[in-house]
Amino acid sequence: MKKLMLLTAAIMIMAGFSTRIFAQDSEQTDAGAKIVSALSITEVDDLHFGTMTIPTGAVELELSTSTVRTPDVPANITLLSQAPVAQNAAYTVAGSANATYAITLPADGVVEITSGANSMDVDDFVAKTASAGIDGTTGTLDGSGADSFVVGATLKLANGQAAGVYTGTFNVSVDYN
């Protein structure tokens, strides 16, 4: 009787394993991909710090994203309202609707503007997107795939910086997040 119970238990165990070993199941899984429009950037306006006098001491002139010029030592420089006036660099961005993007601005110590042998550094770049409405380097394209942003920076003038028309270039790029 004991052998019969053991044999019956062994058959039941083997039957339980064999149904699991040979059991099959499947699951249908979706696959997909999303193709987005190329992201593009177009310059609308150049960055310009405006017109000012020769500084009587070293001064850093901040141009905010609201086109406000603020010298760190106001007594060292006079900001003039004659042309050319201060303006932010301005850009439009186009791409896939409702996508977010990141702006890459120049690093400090990279941008220099020159007038002959004289130069000034431009640092502390900052951006403000229309979609965010605050300073930052992230924006969101609207339902039609458009946004815009402005860029400000800080101009570093030496004591007695030579008079002249200073020019230079810098790169700004955008990438999808």
Protein backbone atom coordinates (compact mmCIF):
# COMPACT_ATOMS: atom_id res chain seq x y z
CA MET A 1 0.00 0.00 0.00
CA LYS A 2 2.85 2.28 0.86
CA LYS A 3 4.41 1.55 -2.55
CA LEU A 4 1.11 2.27 -4.27
CA MET A 5 0.84 5.67 -2.56
CA LEU A 6 4.41 6.54 -3.48
CA LEU A 7 3.84 5.46 -7.07
CA THR A 8 0.63 7.51 -7.27
CA ALA A 9 2.38 10.58 -5.77
CA ALA A 10 5.28 10.22 -8.20
CA ILE A 11 2.90 10.00 -11.19
CA MET A 12 1.01 13.11 -10.04
CA ILE A 13 4.22 15.07 -9.54
CA MET A 14 5.52 14.07 -12.98
CA ALA A 15 2.19 14.92 -14.57
CA GLY A 16 2.31 18.35 -12.93
CA PHE A 17 5.81 19.00 -14.25
CA SER A 18 5.13 17.68 -17.72
CA THR A 19 2.15 19.98 -18.26
CA ARG A 20 4.24 22.97 -17.27
CA ILE A 21 7.16 21.92 -19.42
CA PHE A 22 5.02 21.54 -22.52
CA ALA A 23 2.68 24.46 -21.84
CA GLN A 24 3.04 27.35 -24.23
CA ASP A 25 1.78 30.91 -24.18
CA SER A 26 2.39 34.01 -26.26
CA GLU A 27 1.90 37.72 -25.93
CA GLN A 28 1.45 40.18 -28.77
CA THR A 29 3.68 43.23 -28.26
CA ASP A 30 3.43 46.52 -30.09
CA ALA A 31 6.45 48.10 -31.75
CA GLY A 32 6.77 51.65 -32.97
CA ALA A 33 9.00 54.56 -33.87
CA LYS A 34 8.60 58.31 -34.01
CA ILE A 35 10.26 60.46 -36.64
CA VAL A 36 10.54 64.15 -35.76
CA SER A 37 11.10 67.14 -38.00
CA ALA A 38 14.61 68.50 -38.11
CA LEU A 39 15.15 71.19 -35.49
CA SER A 40 16.26 74.51 -36.97
CA ILE A 41 17.41 77.83 -35.57
CA THR A 42 17.31 81.17 -37.37
CA GLU A 43 18.95 84.38 -36.15
CA VAL A 44 16.62 87.38 -36.11
CA ASP A 45 18.86 89.99 -34.39
CA ASP A 46 22.55 90.32 -33.49
CA LEU A 47 23.76 90.84 -29.93
CA HIS A 48 24.88 94.44 -29.33
CA PHE A 49 25.88 96.12 -26.07
CA GLY A 50 25.10 99.60 -27.42
CA THR A 51 27.16 102.77 -27.23
CA MET A 52 29.17 103.84 -24.17
CA THR A 53 32.07 106.05 -23.13
CA ILE A 54 35.66 104.93 -22.51
CA PRO A 55 35.59 103.43 -18.99
CA THR A 56 37.55 105.14 -16.21
CA GLY A 57 38.03 101.80 -14.48
CA ALA A 58 37.46 98.13 -15.22
CA VAL A 59 33.76 97.39 -15.60
CA GLU A 60 31.52 94.46 -16.49
CA LEU A 61 28.45 95.48 -18.46
CA GLU A 62 25.56 93.01 -18.21
CA LEU A 63 22.97 92.98 -20.96
CA SER A 64 19.96 91.12 -19.53
CA THR A 65 17.48 89.11 -21.58
CA SER A 66 15.17 92.12 -21.18
CA THR A 67 17.70 94.37 -22.98
CA VAL A 68 18.61 96.18 -19.76
CA ARG A 69 22.26 97.25 -19.50
CA THR A 70 23.70 97.19 -15.98
CA PRO A 71 27.34 98.03 -15.23
CA ASP A 72 28.79 96.44 -12.09
CA VAL A 73 30.55 99.75 -11.32
CA PRO A 74 28.26 102.50 -12.70
CA ALA A 75 30.73 105.27 -11.83
CA ASN A 76 33.28 103.80 -14.27
CA ILE A 77 31.22 104.19 -17.46
CA THR A 78 28.46 106.25 -19.06
CA LEU A 79 25.91 104.35 -21.13
CA LEU A 80 24.67 106.37 -24.09
CA SER A 81 21.36 106.15 -25.94
CA GLN A 82 22.76 106.98 -29.39
CA ALA A 83 22.88 104.42 -32.19
CA PRO A 84 23.73 101.66 -32.25
CA VAL A 85 21.54 100.89 -29.27
CA ALA A 86 21.69 97.80 -27.12
CA GLN A 87 19.79 94.74 -28.31
CA ASN A 88 19.59 91.09 -27.42
CA ALA A 89 20.47 88.43 -29.92
CA ALA A 90 17.14 86.93 -31.01
CA TYR A 91 16.35 83.60 -32.64
CA THR A 92 13.41 81.56 -33.88
CA VAL A 93 13.30 77.78 -33.51
CA ALA A 94 11.26 75.36 -35.63
CA GLY A 95 10.72 71.62 -35.30
CA SER A 96 8.18 69.04 -34.18
CA ALA A 97 5.06 70.30 -32.43
CA ASN A 98 5.11 70.28 -28.62
CA ALA A 99 8.69 68.97 -28.40
CA THR A 100 11.16 70.35 -25.85
CA TYR A 101 14.60 71.57 -26.80
CA ALA A 102 17.80 72.73 -25.13
CA ILE A 103 19.89 75.78 -26.02
CA THR A 104 23.68 75.58 -25.90
CA LEU A 105 25.36 78.92 -25.29
CA PRO A 106 29.08 79.77 -25.48
CA ALA A 107 31.22 78.95 -22.46
CA ASP A 108 33.05 81.70 -20.59
CA GLY A 109 36.43 82.64 -22.03
CA VAL A 110 35.49 81.66 -25.58
CA VAL A 111 33.95 84.78 -27.14
CA GLU A 112 35.98 87.88 -27.85
CA ILE A 113 35.04 90.98 -29.80
CA THR A 114 37.78 93.08 -31.39
CA SER A 115 38.53 96.48 -32.86
CA GLY A 116 41.91 96.30 -34.56
CA ALA A 117 44.41 95.06 -31.95
CA ASN A 118 42.01 95.79 -29.06
CA SER A 119 39.67 93.19 -27.63
CA MET A 120 37.02 92.57 -24.98
CA ASP A 121 35.69 89.30 -23.60
CA VAL A 122 31.99 88.43 -23.68
CA ASP A 123 30.97 85.95 -20.96
CA ASP A 124 28.04 84.85 -18.81
CA PHE A 125 25.65 84.19 -21.70
CA VAL A 126 22.02 83.75 -20.70
CA ALA A 127 18.88 82.88 -22.68
CA LYS A 128 15.13 83.34 -22.23
CA THR A 129 12.65 81.38 -24.34
CA ALA A 130 9.21 82.72 -25.22
CA SER A 131 7.68 79.41 -24.13
CA ALA A 132 9.19 79.44 -20.62
CA GLY A 133 9.14 83.20 -20.15
CA ILE A 134 12.08 83.09 -17.72
CA ASP A 135 15.85 82.90 -18.04
CA GLY A 136 16.92 79.36 -18.84
CA THR A 137 18.14 77.14 -21.64
CA THR A 138 15.09 74.93 -22.18
CA GLY A 139 12.11 75.70 -24.38
CA THR A 140 9.01 73.98 -25.72
CA LEU A 141 7.83 74.25 -29.31
CA ASP A 142 4.16 75.20 -29.64
CA GLY A 143 1.47 73.21 -31.46
CA SER A 144 2.77 74.42 -34.81
CA GLY A 145 6.38 73.55 -33.92
CA ALA A 146 7.66 77.09 -33.26
CA ASP A 147 9.29 79.03 -30.43
CA SER A 148 11.73 81.89 -30.03
CA PHE A 149 14.37 83.02 -27.58
CA VAL A 150 16.70 85.92 -26.81
CA VAL A 151 20.27 85.93 -25.54
CA GLY A 152 22.05 88.37 -23.27
CA ALA A 153 25.64 88.37 -21.95
CA THR A 154 28.24 90.34 -20.03
CA LEU A 155 30.86 92.53 -21.72
CA LYS A 156 34.16 92.91 -19.85
CA LEU A 157 35.82 96.30 -20.40
CA ALA A 158 39.28 97.21 -19.16
CA ASN A 159 40.16 100.55 -17.58
CA GLY A 160 40.59 102.97 -20.48
CA GLN A 161 39.32 100.47 -23.07
CA ALA A 162 40.25 101.93 -26.47
CA ALA A 163 37.53 103.63 -28.50
CA GLY A 164 36.40 101.74 -31.60
CA VAL A 165 33.72 99.62 -33.16
CA TYR A 166 34.15 96.11 -31.71
CA THR A 167 32.81 93.05 -33.52
CA GLY A 168 33.00 89.30 -33.27
CA THR A 169 30.91 86.15 -33.58
CA PHE A 170 29.66 83.33 -31.41
CA ASN A 171 27.71 80.11 -31.86
CA VAL A 172 24.36 79.17 -30.38
CA SER A 173 22.82 75.76 -31.01
CA VAL A 174 19.56 73.94 -30.22
CA ASP A 175 18.94 70.22 -29.74
CA TYR A 176 15.87 68.17 -28.92
CA ASN A 177 15.67 66.99 -25.31
